C-alpha cells in the first residue's frame, strides 16, 4: 500500500470516528437554554407574520427572486467569454455589448413596470 493511500484512509477513518464523538461531546459540555424565544421561527429578523401556511403571501418576493436568478445566470455567460476574449476578437466584443445592452434593456423594463417598487 502506498504512503499517500495509507495517509488518506487513516484521515478518513479518524474523521468518521472523531466527528460523531465530538458532536456528542459538545452536547454535554456546552450550555443549553430552552425557552420560548429561542424556539420561535424567525426569518431574517422578522417575527412570524402569517399564522397559517395558506395565508396570502406577497408575489413581489417571488418576482424579485426570479429576476435575480435570470440576471445571475446571464452574468454566468460572461465568464467564459471573458476568458477567451483575445481568441474571439472584435466581433465577440461587439456581441457582448449587444448582450449587455439587452440585459440593461430588460432591467429598465422591469424597473419601469414597477416590479422592484415595494409600495
PDB file of N, CA and C in Angstrom:
ATOM      1  N   UNK A   1       0.852  -1.176   0.000  1.00  0.00           N
ATOM      2  CA  UNK A   1       0.000   0.000   0.000  1.00  0.00           C
ATOM      3  C   UNK A   1       0.899   1.241   0.000  1.00  0.00           C
ATOM      4  N   UNK A   2       0.554   2.196  -0.838  1.00  0.00           N
ATOM      5  CA  UNK A   2       1.377   3.397  -0.915  1.00  0.00           C
ATOM      6  C   UNK A   2       1.152   4.273   0.319  1.00  0.00           C
ATOM      7  N   UNK A   3       2.113   5.147   0.546  1.00  0.00           N
ATOM      8  CA  UNK A   3       2.044   6.008   1.727  1.00  0.00           C
ATOM      9  C   UNK A   3       0.874   6.987   1.660  1.00  0.00           C
ATOM     10  N   UNK A   4       0.603   7.537   0.480  1.00  0.00           N
ATOM     11  CA  UNK A   4      -0.480   8.506   0.362  1.00  0.00           C
ATOM     12  C   UNK A   4      -1.847   7.847   0.554  1.00  0.00           C
ATOM     13  N   UNK A   5      -2.000   6.614   0.078  1.00  0.00           N
ATOM     14  CA  UNK A   5      -3.264   5.903   0.281  1.00  0.00           C
ATOM     15  C   UNK A   5      -3.464   5.571   1.756  1.00  0.00           C
ATOM     16  N   UNK A   6      -2.384   5.167   2.428  1.00  0.00           N
ATOM     17  CA  UNK A   6      -2.480   4.883   3.853  1.00  0.00           C
ATOM     18  C   UNK A   6      -2.832   6.140   4.638  1.00  0.00           C
ATOM     19  N   UNK A   7      -2.215   7.264   4.289  1.00  0.00           N
ATOM     20  CA  UNK A   7      -2.491   8.517   4.974  1.00  0.00           C
ATOM     21  C   UNK A   7      -3.941   8.959   4.746  1.00  0.00           C
ATOM     22  N   UNK A   8      -4.408   8.859   3.525  1.00  0.00           N
ATOM     23  CA  UNK A   8      -5.782   9.267   3.220  1.00  0.00           C
ATOM     24  C   UNK A   8      -6.788   8.391   3.943  1.00  0.00           C
ATOM     25  N   UNK A   9      -6.561   7.078   3.938  1.00  0.00           N
ATOM     26  CA  UNK A   9      -7.507   6.185   4.617  1.00  0.00           C
ATOM     27  C   UNK A   9      -7.471   6.399   6.128  1.00  0.00           C
ATOM     28  N   UNK A  10      -6.315   6.710   6.691  1.00  0.00           N
ATOM     29  CA  UNK A  10      -6.226   6.989   8.119  1.00  0.00           C
ATOM     30  C   UNK A  10      -6.968   8.271   8.466  1.00  0.00           C
ATOM     31  N   UNK A  11      -6.842   9.298   7.630  1.00  0.00           N
ATOM     32  CA  UNK A  11      -7.540  10.553   7.890  1.00  0.00           C
ATOM     33  C   UNK A  11      -9.055  10.375   7.782  1.00  0.00           C
ATOM     34  N   UNK A  12      -9.513   9.619   6.803  1.00  0.00           N
ATOM     35  CA  UNK A  12     -10.948   9.386   6.660  1.00  0.00           C
ATOM     36  C   UNK A  12     -11.471   8.590   7.842  1.00  0.00           C
ATOM     37  N   UNK A  13     -10.748   7.584   8.253  1.00  0.00           N
ATOM     38  CA  UNK A  13     -11.174   6.786   9.408  1.00  0.00           C
ATOM     39  C   UNK A  13     -11.196   7.641  10.678  1.00  0.00           C
ATOM     40  N   UNK A  14     -10.198   8.498  10.845  1.00  0.00           N
ATOM     41  CA  UNK A  14     -10.166   9.361  12.029  1.00  0.00           C
ATOM     42  C   UNK A  14     -11.350  10.318  12.025  1.00  0.00           C
ATOM     43  N   UNK A  15     -11.692  10.866  10.860  1.00  0.00           N
ATOM     44  CA  UNK A  15     -12.837  11.775  10.786  1.00  0.00           C
ATOM     45  C   UNK A  15     -14.148  11.044  11.059  1.00  0.00           C
ATOM     46  N   UNK A  16     -14.272   9.836  10.530  1.00  0.00           N
ATOM     47  CA  UNK A  16     -15.507   9.081  10.733  1.00  0.00           C
ATOM     48  C   UNK A  16     -15.701   8.737  12.201  1.00  0.00           C
ATOM     49  N   UNK A  17     -14.632   8.484  12.897  1.00  0.00           N
ATOM     50  CA  UNK A  17     -14.736   8.152  14.322  1.00  0.00           C
ATOM     51  C   UNK A  17     -14.768   9.412  15.183  1.00  0.00           C
ATOM     52  N   UNK A  18     -13.954  10.401  14.863  1.00  0.00           N
ATOM     53  CA  UNK A  18     -13.782  11.563  15.716  1.00  0.00           C
ATOM     54  C   UNK A  18     -14.951  12.539  15.649  1.00  0.00           C
ATOM     55  N   UNK A  19     -15.489  12.809  14.464  1.00  0.00           N
ATOM     56  CA  UNK A  19     -16.553  13.807  14.351  1.00  0.00           C
ATOM     57  C   UNK A  19     -17.821  13.440  15.125  1.00  0.00           C
ATOM     58  N   UNK A  20     -18.360  12.236  14.991  1.00  0.00           N
ATOM     59  CA  UNK A  20     -19.546  11.932  15.813  1.00  0.00           C
ATOM     60  C   UNK A  20     -19.264  12.002  17.312  1.00  0.00           C
ATOM     61  N   UNK A  21     -18.060  11.594  17.714  1.00  0.00           N
ATOM     62  CA  UNK A  21     -17.710  11.676  19.121  1.00  0.00           C
ATOM     63  C   UNK A  21     -17.676  13.127  19.593  1.00  0.00           C
ATOM     64  N   UNK A  22     -17.099  14.028  18.798  1.00  0.00           N
ATOM     65  CA  UNK A  22     -17.030  15.441  19.186  1.00  0.00           C
ATOM     66  C   UNK A  22     -18.410  16.081  19.215  1.00  0.00           C
ATOM     67  N   UNK A  23     -19.262  15.759  18.258  1.00  0.00           N
ATOM     68  CA  UNK A  23     -20.624  16.284  18.276  1.00  0.00           C
ATOM     69  C   UNK A  23     -21.381  15.804  19.511  1.00  0.00           C
ATOM     70  N   UNK A  24     -21.198  14.559  19.869  1.00  0.00           N
ATOM     71  CA  UNK A  24     -21.848  14.013  21.055  1.00  0.00           C
ATOM     72  C   UNK A  24     -21.284  14.656  22.320  1.00  0.00           C
ATOM     73  N   UNK A  25     -19.986  14.929  22.323  1.00  0.00           N
ATOM     74  CA  UNK A  25     -19.337  15.533  23.484  1.00  0.00           C
ATOM     75  C   UNK A  25     -19.806  16.975  23.706  1.00  0.00           C
ATOM     76  N   UNK A  26     -20.038  17.738  22.646  1.00  0.00           N
ATOM     77  CA  UNK A  26     -20.485  19.114  22.805  1.00  0.00           C
ATOM     78  C   UNK A  26     -21.882  19.193  23.401  1.00  0.00           C
ATOM     79  N   UNK A  27     -22.654  18.154  23.229  1.00  0.00           N
ATOM     80  CA  UNK A  27     -23.986  18.123  23.837  1.00  0.00           C
ATOM     81  C   UNK A  27     -23.883  18.170  25.364  1.00  0.00           C
ATOM     82  N   UNK A  28     -22.855  17.558  25.908  1.00  0.00           N
ATOM     83  CA  UNK A  28     -22.699  17.521  27.361  1.00  0.00           C
ATOM     84  C   UNK A  28     -21.841  18.654  27.899  1.00  0.00           C
ATOM     85  N   UNK A  29     -20.899  19.162  27.123  1.00  0.00           N
ATOM     86  CA  UNK A  29     -20.007  20.203  27.615  1.00  0.00           C
ATOM     87  C   UNK A  29     -20.583  21.602  27.426  1.00  0.00           C
ATOM     88  N   UNK A  30     -21.399  21.807  26.407  1.00  0.00           N
ATOM     89  CA  UNK A  30     -21.935  23.135  26.127  1.00  0.00           C
ATOM     90  C   UNK A  30     -23.128  23.461  27.000  1.00  0.00           C
ATOM     91  N   UNK A  31     -23.439  24.749  27.051  1.00  0.00           N
ATOM     92  CA  UNK A  31     -24.607  25.165  27.817  1.00  0.00           C
ATOM     93  C   UNK A  31     -25.864  24.976  26.986  1.00  0.00           C
ATOM     94  N   UNK A  32     -26.957  24.780  27.665  1.00  0.00           N
ATOM     95  CA  UNK A  32     -28.230  24.573  26.995  1.00  0.00           C
ATOM     96  C   UNK A  32     -29.256  25.508  27.598  1.00  0.00           C
ATOM     97  N   UNK A  33     -29.997  26.170  26.734  1.00  0.00           N
ATOM     98  CA  UNK A  33     -31.067  27.040  27.222  1.00  0.00           C
ATOM     99  C   UNK A  33     -32.276  26.849  26.324  1.00  0.00           C
ATOM    100  N   UNK A  34     -33.277  26.217  26.836  1.00  0.00           N
ATOM    101  CA  UNK A  34     -34.525  26.018  26.110  1.00  0.00           C
ATOM    102  C   UNK A  34     -35.549  27.012  26.643  1.00  0.00           C
ATOM    103  N   UNK A  35     -35.962  27.928  25.798  1.00  0.00           N
ATOM    104  CA  UNK A  35     -37.010  28.855  26.187  1.00  0.00           C
ATOM    105  C   UNK A  35     -37.880  29.134  24.970  1.00  0.00           C
ATOM    106  N   UNK A  36     -38.943  29.846  25.185  1.00  0.00           N
ATOM    107  CA  UNK A  36     -39.916  30.094  24.132  1.00  0.00           C
ATOM    108  C   UNK A  36     -39.325  30.979  23.043  1.00  0.00           C
ATOM    109  N   UNK A  37     -38.557  32.001  23.413  1.00  0.00           N
ATOM    110  CA  UNK A  37     -38.000  32.933  22.420  1.00  0.00           C
ATOM    111  C   UNK A  37     -36.975  32.252  21.531  1.00  0.00           C
ATOM    112  N   UNK A  38     -36.247  31.308  22.078  1.00  0.00           N
ATOM    113  CA  UNK A  38     -35.240  30.623  21.288  1.00  0.00           C
ATOM    114  C   UNK A  38     -35.878  29.706  20.242  1.00  0.00           C
ATOM    115  N   UNK A  39     -37.003  29.146  20.529  1.00  0.00           N
ATOM    116  CA  UNK A  39     -37.641  28.186  19.637  1.00  0.00           C
ATOM    117  C   UNK A  39     -38.626  28.815  18.660  1.00  0.00           C
ATOM    118  N   UNK A  40     -38.722  30.159  18.651  1.00  0.00           N
ATOM    119  CA  UNK A  40     -39.622  30.816  17.706  1.00  0.00           C
ATOM    120  C   UNK A  40     -39.020  30.806  16.307  1.00  0.00           C
ATOM    121  N   UNK A  41     -39.847  30.610  15.274  1.00  0.00           N
ATOM    122  CA  UNK A  41     -39.315  30.707  13.911  1.00  0.00           C
ATOM    123  C   UNK A  41     -39.099  32.164  13.530  1.00  0.00           C
ATOM    124  N   UNK A  42     -37.888  32.487  13.116  1.00  0.00           N
ATOM    125  CA  UNK A  42     -37.547  33.854  12.739  1.00  0.00           C
ATOM    126  C   UNK A  42     -36.960  33.809  11.334  1.00  0.00           C
ATOM    127  N   UNK A  43     -37.461  34.651  10.463  1.00  0.00           N
ATOM    128  CA  UNK A  43     -36.964  34.714   9.092  1.00  0.00           C
ATOM    129  C   UNK A  43     -36.374  36.093   8.862  1.00  0.00           C
ATOM    130  N   UNK A  44     -35.083  36.202   8.863  1.00  0.00           N
ATOM    131  CA  UNK A  44     -34.419  37.468   8.591  1.00  0.00           C
ATOM    132  C   UNK A  44     -34.705  38.543   9.620  1.00  0.00           C
ATOM    133  N   UNK A  45     -34.888  38.177  10.866  1.00  0.00           N
ATOM    134  CA  UNK A  45     -35.123  39.158  11.905  1.00  0.00           C
ATOM    135  C   UNK A  45     -36.564  39.585  12.039  1.00  0.00           C
ATOM    136  N   UNK A  46     -37.443  39.062  11.211  1.00  0.00           N
ATOM    137  CA  UNK A  46     -38.860  39.413  11.270  1.00  0.00           C
ATOM    138  C   UNK A  46     -39.602  38.263  11.933  1.00  0.00           C
ATOM    139  N   UNK A  47     -40.389  38.586  12.905  1.00  0.00           N
ATOM    140  CA  UNK A  47     -41.146  37.536  13.581  1.00  0.00           C
ATOM    141  C   UNK A  47     -42.211  36.976  12.648  1.00  0.00           C
ATOM    142  N   UNK A  48     -42.732  35.868  13.025  1.00  0.00           N
ATOM    143  CA  UNK A  48     -43.716  35.180  12.193  1.00  0.00           C
ATOM    144  C   UNK A  48     -44.930  36.089  11.976  1.00  0.00           C
ATOM    145  N   UNK A  49     -45.205  36.391  10.718  1.00  0.00           N
ATOM    146  CA  UNK A  49     -46.302  37.295  10.397  1.00  0.00           C
ATOM    147  C   UNK A  49     -47.540  36.552   9.931  1.00  0.00           C
ATOM    148  N   UNK A  50     -47.386  35.344   9.445  1.00  0.00           N
ATOM    149  CA  UNK A  50     -48.524  34.561   8.954  1.00  0.00           C
ATOM    150  C   UNK A  50     -48.828  33.449   9.946  1.00  0.00           C
ATOM    151  N   UNK A  51     -50.084  33.268  10.228  1.00  0.00           N
ATOM    152  CA  UNK A  51     -50.481  32.244  11.197  1.00  0.00           C
ATOM    153  C   UNK A  51     -50.692  30.883  10.538  1.00  0.00           C
ATOM    154  N   UNK A  52     -50.992  30.878   9.263  1.00  0.00           N
ATOM    155  CA  UNK A  52     -51.319  29.636   8.590  1.00  0.00           C
ATOM    156  C   UNK A  52     -50.514  29.549   7.302  1.00  0.00           C
ATOM    157  N   UNK A  53     -50.214  28.347   6.856  1.00  0.00           N
ATOM    158  CA  UNK A  53     -49.403  28.172   5.650  1.00  0.00           C
ATOM    159  C   UNK A  53     -50.123  28.635   4.400  1.00  0.00           C
ATOM    160  N   UNK A  54     -51.435  28.664   4.409  1.00  0.00           N
ATOM    161  CA  UNK A  54     -52.192  29.039   3.220  1.00  0.00           C
ATOM    162  C   UNK A  54     -52.606  30.507   3.219  1.00  0.00           C
ATOM    163  N   UNK A  55     -52.073  31.299   4.145  1.00  0.00           N
ATOM    164  CA  UNK A  55     -52.355  32.724   4.141  1.00  0.00           C
ATOM    165  C   UNK A  55     -51.709  33.378   2.928  1.00  0.00           C
ATOM    166  N   UNK A  56     -52.152  34.586   2.626  1.00  0.00           N
ATOM    167  CA  UNK A  56     -51.626  35.294   1.469  1.00  0.00           C
ATOM    168  C   UNK A  56     -50.162  35.657   1.629  1.00  0.00           C
ATOM    169  N   UNK A  57     -49.458  35.652   0.517  1.00  0.00           N
ATOM    170  CA  UNK A  57     -48.037  35.976   0.506  1.00  0.00           C
ATOM    171  C   UNK A  57     -47.793  36.912  -0.664  1.00  0.00           C
ATOM    172  N   UNK A  58     -47.011  37.934  -0.460  1.00  0.00           N
ATOM    173  CA  UNK A  58     -46.777  38.929  -1.488  1.00  0.00           C
ATOM    174  C   UNK A  58     -46.016  38.316  -2.665  1.00  0.00           C
ATOM    175  N   UNK A  59     -46.539  38.476  -3.864  1.00  0.00           N
ATOM    176  CA  UNK A  59     -45.954  37.886  -5.059  1.00  0.00           C
ATOM    177  C   UNK A  59     -44.656  38.582  -5.447  1.00  0.00           C
ATOM    178  N   UNK A  60     -44.446  39.789  -4.983  1.00  0.00           N
ATOM    179  CA  UNK A  60     -43.239  40.520  -5.355  1.00  0.00           C
ATOM    180  C   UNK A  60     -41.978  39.842  -4.855  1.00  0.00           C
ATOM    181  N   UNK A  61     -42.052  39.095  -3.757  1.00  0.00           N
ATOM    182  CA  UNK A  61     -40.894  38.343  -3.294  1.00  0.00           C
ATOM    183  C   UNK A  61     -40.466  37.334  -4.356  1.00  0.00           C
ATOM    184  N   UNK A  62     -41.437  36.643  -4.944  1.00  0.00           N
ATOM    185  CA  UNK A  62     -41.127  35.658  -5.975  1.00  0.00           C
ATOM    186  C   UNK A  62     -40.606  36.340  -7.235  1.00  0.00           C
ATOM    187  N   UNK A  63     -41.206  37.461  -7.607  1.00  0.00           N
ATOM    188  CA  UNK A  63     -40.764  38.168  -8.811  1.00  0.00           C
ATOM    189  C   UNK A  63     -39.327  38.651  -8.679  1.00  0.00           C
ATOM    190  N   UNK A  64     -38.989  39.214  -7.537  1.00  0.00           N
ATOM    191  CA  UNK A  64     -37.624  39.682  -7.330  1.00  0.00           C
ATOM    192  C   UNK A  64     -36.664  38.501  -7.342  1.00  0.00           C
ATOM    193  N   UNK A  65     -37.055  37.382  -6.756  1.00  0.00           N
ATOM    194  CA  UNK A  65     -36.207  36.188  -6.775  1.00  0.00           C
ATOM    195  C   UNK A  65     -35.984  35.663  -8.179  1.00  0.00           C
ATOM    196  N   UNK A  66     -37.022  35.618  -8.975  1.00  0.00           N
ATOM    197  CA  UNK A  66     -36.894  35.127 -10.348  1.00  0.00           C
ATOM    198  C   UNK A  66     -36.057  36.086 -11.181  1.00  0.00           C
ATOM    199  N   UNK A  67     -36.271  37.382 -11.009  1.00  0.00           N
ATOM    200  CA  UNK A  67     -35.471  38.362 -11.751  1.00  0.00           C
ATOM    201  C   UNK A  67     -34.006  38.243 -11.360  1.00  0.00           C
ATOM    202  N   UNK A  68     -33.729  38.049 -10.072  1.00  0.00           N
ATOM    203  CA  UNK A  68     -32.348  37.868  -9.635  1.00  0.00           C
ATOM    204  C   UNK A  68     -31.727  36.641 -10.291  1.00  0.00           C
ATOM    205  N   UNK A  69     -32.454  35.534 -10.323  1.00  0.00           N
ATOM    206  CA  UNK A  69     -31.922  34.325 -10.943  1.00  0.00           C
ATOM    207  C   UNK A  69     -31.656  34.518 -12.421  1.00  0.00           C
ATOM    208  N   UNK A  70     -32.561  35.197 -13.111  1.00  0.00           N
ATOM    209  CA  UNK A  70     -32.371  35.420 -14.544  1.00  0.00           C
ATOM    210  C   UNK A  70     -31.107  36.231 -14.795  1.00  0.00           C
ATOM    211  N   UNK A  71     -30.945  37.333 -14.085  1.00  0.00           N
ATOM    212  CA  UNK A  71     -29.772  38.166 -14.311  1.00  0.00           C
ATOM    213  C   UNK A  71     -28.503  37.498 -13.792  1.00  0.00           C
ATOM    214  N   UNK A  72     -28.608  36.675 -12.773  1.00  0.00           N
ATOM    215  CA  UNK A  72     -27.451  35.968 -12.257  1.00  0.00           C
ATOM    216  C   UNK A  72     -26.962  34.936 -13.268  1.00  0.00           C
ATOM    217  N   UNK A  73     -27.871  34.201 -13.862  1.00  0.00           N
ATOM    218  CA  UNK A  73     -27.486  33.208 -14.868  1.00  0.00           C
ATOM    219  C   UNK A  73     -26.941  33.887 -16.115  1.00  0.00           C
ATOM    220  N   UNK A  74     -27.491  35.025 -16.463  1.00  0.00           N
ATOM    221  CA  UNK A  74     -26.982  35.753 -17.618  1.00  0.00           C
ATOM    222  C   UNK A  74     -25.546  36.201 -17.387  1.00  0.00           C
ATOM    223  N   UNK A  75     -25.224  36.598 -16.175  1.00  0.00           N
ATOM    224  CA  UNK A  75     -23.860  37.024 -15.875  1.00  0.00           C
ATOM    225  C   UNK A  75     -22.902  35.839 -15.984  1.00  0.00           C
ATOM    226  N   UNK A  76     -23.376  34.631 -15.692  1.00  0.00           N
ATOM    227  CA  UNK A  76     -22.523  33.448 -15.824  1.00  0.00           C
ATOM    228  C   UNK A  76     -22.071  33.221 -17.254  1.00  0.00           C
ATOM    229  N   UNK A  77     -22.852  33.677 -18.235  1.00  0.00           N
ATOM    230  CA  UNK A  77     -22.442  33.540 -19.625  1.00  0.00           C
ATOM    231  C   UNK A  77     -21.262  34.448 -19.965  1.00  0.00           C
ATOM    232  N   UNK A  78     -21.025  35.455 -19.146  1.00  0.00           N
ATOM    233  CA  UNK A  78     -19.941  36.391 -19.436  1.00  0.00           C
ATOM    234  C   UNK A  78     -18.572  35.840 -19.042  1.00  0.00           C
ATOM    235  N   UNK A  79     -18.498  34.921 -18.107  1.00  0.00           N
ATOM    236  CA  UNK A  79     -17.201  34.437 -17.648  1.00  0.00           C
ATOM    237  C   UNK A  79     -16.441  33.664 -18.727  1.00  0.00           C
ATOM    238  N   UNK A  80     -17.045  32.682 -19.408  1.00  0.00           N
ATOM    239  CA  UNK A  80     -16.280  32.012 -20.478  1.00  0.00           C
ATOM    240  C   UNK A  80     -15.898  32.973 -21.601  1.00  0.00           C
ATOM    241  N   UNK A  81     -16.758  33.920 -21.884  1.00  0.00           N
ATOM    242  CA  UNK A  81     -16.452  34.914 -22.903  1.00  0.00           C
ATOM    243  C   UNK A  81     -15.241  35.740 -22.491  1.00  0.00           C
ATOM    244  N   UNK A  82     -15.201  36.159 -21.222  1.00  0.00           N
ATOM    245  CA  UNK A  82     -14.094  36.992 -20.759  1.00  0.00           C
ATOM    246  C   UNK A  82     -12.768  36.229 -20.781  1.00  0.00           C
ATOM    247  N   UNK A  83     -12.818  34.932 -20.525  1.00  0.00           N
ATOM    248  CA  UNK A  83     -11.586  34.148 -20.541  1.00  0.00           C
ATOM    249  C   UNK A  83     -11.038  33.962 -21.955  1.00  0.00           C
ATOM    250  N   UNK A  84     -11.908  33.940 -22.947  1.00  0.00           N
ATOM    251  CA  UNK A  84     -11.489  33.699 -24.328  1.00  0.00           C
ATOM    252  C   UNK A  84     -11.614  34.929 -25.212  1.00  0.00           C
ATOM    253  N   UNK A  85     -11.615  36.096 -24.642  1.00  0.00           N
ATOM    254  CA  UNK A  85     -11.839  37.319 -25.413  1.00  0.00           C
ATOM    255  C   UNK A  85     -10.750  37.543 -26.454  1.00  0.00           C
ATOM    256  N   UNK A  86      -9.509  37.294 -26.102  1.00  0.00           N
ATOM    257  CA  UNK A  86      -8.413  37.518 -27.063  1.00  0.00           C
ATOM    258  C   UNK A  86      -8.524  36.584 -28.263  1.00  0.00           C
ATOM    259  N   UNK A  87      -9.005  35.360 -28.039  1.00  0.00           N
ATOM    260  CA  UNK A  87      -9.147  34.420 -29.148  1.00  0.00           C
ATOM    261  C   UNK A  87     -10.321  34.780 -30.047  1.00  0.00           C
ATOM    262  N   UNK A  88     -11.367  35.353 -29.488  1.00  0.00           N
ATOM    263  CA  UNK A  88     -12.577  35.648 -30.258  1.00  0.00           C
ATOM    264  C   UNK A  88     -12.441  36.887 -31.120  1.00  0.00           C
ATOM    265  N   UNK A  89     -11.812  37.901 -30.600  1.00  0.00           N
ATOM    266  CA  UNK A  89     -11.592  39.105 -31.387  1.00  0.00           C
ATOM    267  C   UNK A  89     -12.659  40.166 -31.197  1.00  0.00           C
ATOM    268  N   UNK A  90     -12.688  41.091 -32.154  1.00  0.00           N
ATOM    269  CA  UNK A  90     -13.551  42.268 -32.067  1.00  0.00           C
ATOM    270  C   UNK A  90     -15.031  41.912 -32.221  1.00  0.00           C
ATOM    271  N   UNK A  91     -15.326  40.898 -33.035  1.00  0.00           N
ATOM    272  CA  UNK A  91     -16.724  40.515 -33.244  1.00  0.00           C
ATOM    273  C   UNK A  91     -17.374  40.068 -31.936  1.00  0.00           C
ATOM    274  N   UNK A  92     -16.652  39.289 -31.141  1.00  0.00           N
ATOM    275  CA  UNK A  92     -17.201  38.825 -29.866  1.00  0.00           C
ATOM    276  C   UNK A  92     -17.371  39.987 -28.887  1.00  0.00           C
ATOM    277  N   UNK A  93     -16.498  40.976 -28.978  1.00  0.00           N
ATOM    278  CA  UNK A  93     -16.645  42.148 -28.119  1.00  0.00           C
ATOM    279  C   UNK A  93     -17.930  42.905 -28.452  1.00  0.00           C
ATOM    280  N   UNK A  94     -18.205  43.063 -29.733  1.00  0.00           N
ATOM    281  CA  UNK A  94     -19.440  43.730 -30.145  1.00  0.00           C
ATOM    282  C   UNK A  94     -20.672  42.899 -29.750  1.00  0.00           C
ATOM    283  N   UNK A  95     -20.564  41.580 -29.882  1.00  0.00           N
ATOM    284  CA  UNK A  95     -21.669  40.707 -29.459  1.00  0.00           C
ATOM    285  C   UNK A  95     -21.957  40.871 -27.968  1.00  0.00           C
ATOM    286  N   UNK A  96     -20.912  40.988 -27.172  1.00  0.00           N
ATOM    287  CA  UNK A  96     -21.120  41.124 -25.736  1.00  0.00           C
ATOM    288  C   UNK A  96     -21.723  42.481 -25.403  1.00  0.00           C
ATOM    289  N   UNK A  97     -21.368  43.523 -26.152  1.00  0.00           N
ATOM    290  CA  UNK A  97     -22.016  44.815 -25.931  1.00  0.00           C
ATOM    291  C   UNK A  97     -23.506  44.732 -26.243  1.00  0.00           C
ATOM    292  N   UNK A  98     -23.868  43.991 -27.284  1.00  0.00           N
ATOM    293  CA  UNK A  98     -25.289  43.795 -27.603  1.00  0.00           C
ATOM    294  C   UNK A  98     -25.971  43.007 -26.484  1.00  0.00           C
ATOM    295  N   UNK A  99     -25.295  41.979 -25.987  1.00  0.00           N
ATOM    296  CA  UNK A  99     -25.842  41.157 -24.905  1.00  0.00           C
ATOM    297  C   UNK A  99     -26.060  41.992 -23.644  1.00  0.00           C
ATOM    298  N   UNK A 100     -25.076  42.795 -23.283  1.00  0.00           N
ATOM    299  CA  UNK A 100     -25.202  43.649 -22.097  1.00  0.00           C
ATOM    300  C   UNK A 100     -26.289  44.691 -22.318  1.00  0.00           C
ATOM    301  N   UNK A 101     -26.400  45.200 -23.546  1.00  0.00           N
ATOM    302  CA  UNK A 101     -27.474  46.140 -23.857  1.00  0.00           C
ATOM    303  C   UNK A 101     -28.847  45.517 -23.674  1.00  0.00           C
ATOM    304  N   UNK A 102     -28.995  44.260 -24.084  1.00  0.00           N
ATOM    305  CA  UNK A 102     -30.267  43.560 -23.868  1.00  0.00           C
ATOM    306  C   UNK A 102     -30.558  43.382 -22.382  1.00  0.00           C
ATOM    307  N   UNK A 103     -29.519  43.074 -21.601  1.00  0.00           N
ATOM    308  CA  UNK A 103     -29.707  42.933 -20.156  1.00  0.00           C
ATOM    309  C   UNK A 103     -30.114  44.262 -19.519  1.00  0.00           C
ATOM    310  N   UNK A 104     -29.465  45.334 -19.921  1.00  0.00           N
ATOM    311  CA  UNK A 104     -29.810  46.644 -19.375  1.00  0.00           C
ATOM    312  C   UNK A 104     -31.222  47.027 -19.801  1.00  0.00           C
ATOM    313  N   UNK A 105     -31.578  46.716 -21.050  1.00  0.00           N
ATOM    314  CA  UNK A 105     -32.940  46.983 -21.506  1.00  0.00           C
ATOM    315  C   UNK A 105     -33.968  46.203 -20.703  1.00  0.00           C
ATOM    316  N   UNK A 106     -33.667  44.947 -20.393  1.00  0.00           N
ATOM    317  CA  UNK A 106     -34.565  44.150 -19.554  1.00  0.00           C
ATOM    318  C   UNK A 106     -34.683  44.703 -18.152  1.00  0.00           C
ATOM    319  N   UNK A 107     -33.568  45.176 -17.608  1.00  0.00           N
ATOM    320  CA  UNK A 107     -33.609  45.762 -16.270  1.00  0.00           C
ATOM    321  C   UNK A 107     -34.407  47.056 -16.258  1.00  0.00           C
ATOM    322  N   UNK A 108     -34.272  47.869 -17.296  1.00  0.00           N
ATOM    323  CA  UNK A 108     -35.059  49.105 -17.388  1.00  0.00           C
ATOM    324  C   UNK A 108     -36.540  48.773 -17.505  1.00  0.00           C
ATOM    325  N   UNK A 109     -36.874  47.749 -18.296  1.00  0.00           N
ATOM    326  CA  UNK A 109     -38.276  47.341 -18.436  1.00  0.00           C
ATOM    327  C   UNK A 109     -38.847  46.872 -17.105  1.00  0.00           C
ATOM    328  N   UNK A 110     -38.072  46.076 -16.367  1.00  0.00           N
ATOM    329  CA  UNK A 110     -38.533  45.580 -15.062  1.00  0.00           C
ATOM    330  C   UNK A 110     -38.718  46.743 -14.101  1.00  0.00           C
ATOM    331  N   UNK A 111     -37.798  47.693 -14.121  1.00  0.00           N
ATOM    332  CA  UNK A 111     -37.909  48.843 -13.220  1.00  0.00           C
ATOM    333  C   UNK A 111     -39.113  49.708 -13.574  1.00  0.00           C
ATOM    334  N   UNK A 112     -39.331  49.961 -14.866  1.00  0.00           N
ATOM    335  CA  UNK A 112     -40.452  50.817 -15.271  1.00  0.00           C
ATOM    336  C   UNK A 112     -41.808  50.132 -15.080  1.00  0.00           C
ATOM    337  N   UNK A 113     -41.818  48.795 -15.108  1.00  0.00           N
ATOM    338  CA  UNK A 113     -43.090  48.100 -14.887  1.00  0.00           C
ATOM    339  C   UNK A 113     -43.483  48.078 -13.420  1.00  0.00           C
ATOM    340  N   UNK A 114     -42.568  48.492 -12.524  1.00  0.00           N
ATOM    341  CA  UNK A 114     -42.910  48.628 -11.120  1.00  0.00           C
ATOM    342  C   UNK A 114     -42.719  47.377 -10.288  1.00  0.00           C
ATOM    343  N   UNK A 115     -42.031  46.392 -10.816  1.00  0.00           N
ATOM    344  CA  UNK A 115     -41.823  45.157 -10.053  1.00  0.00           C
ATOM    345  C   UNK A 115     -40.903  45.391  -8.863  1.00  0.00           C
ATOM    346  N   UNK A 116     -39.943  46.277  -9.003  1.00  0.00           N
ATOM    347  CA  UNK A 116     -38.975  46.496  -7.943  1.00  0.00           C
ATOM    348  C   UNK A 116     -39.432  47.502  -6.899  1.00  0.00           C
ATOM    349  N   UNK A 117     -40.601  48.081  -7.055  1.00  0.00           N
ATOM    350  CA  UNK A 117     -41.134  49.037  -6.071  1.00  0.00           C
ATOM    351  C   UNK A 117     -41.964  48.293  -5.040  1.00  0.00           C
ATOM    352  N   UNK A 118     -41.740  48.587  -3.774  1.00  0.00           N
ATOM    353  CA  UNK A 118     -42.411  47.852  -2.698  1.00  0.00           C
ATOM    354  C   UNK A 118     -43.646  48.567  -2.170  1.00  0.00           C
ATOM    355  N   UNK A 119     -43.961  49.729  -2.658  1.00  0.00           N
ATOM    356  CA  UNK A 119     -45.119  50.437  -2.141  1.00  0.00           C
ATOM    357  C   UNK A 119     -46.328  50.269  -3.014  1.00  0.00           C
TER     358      UNK A 119
END
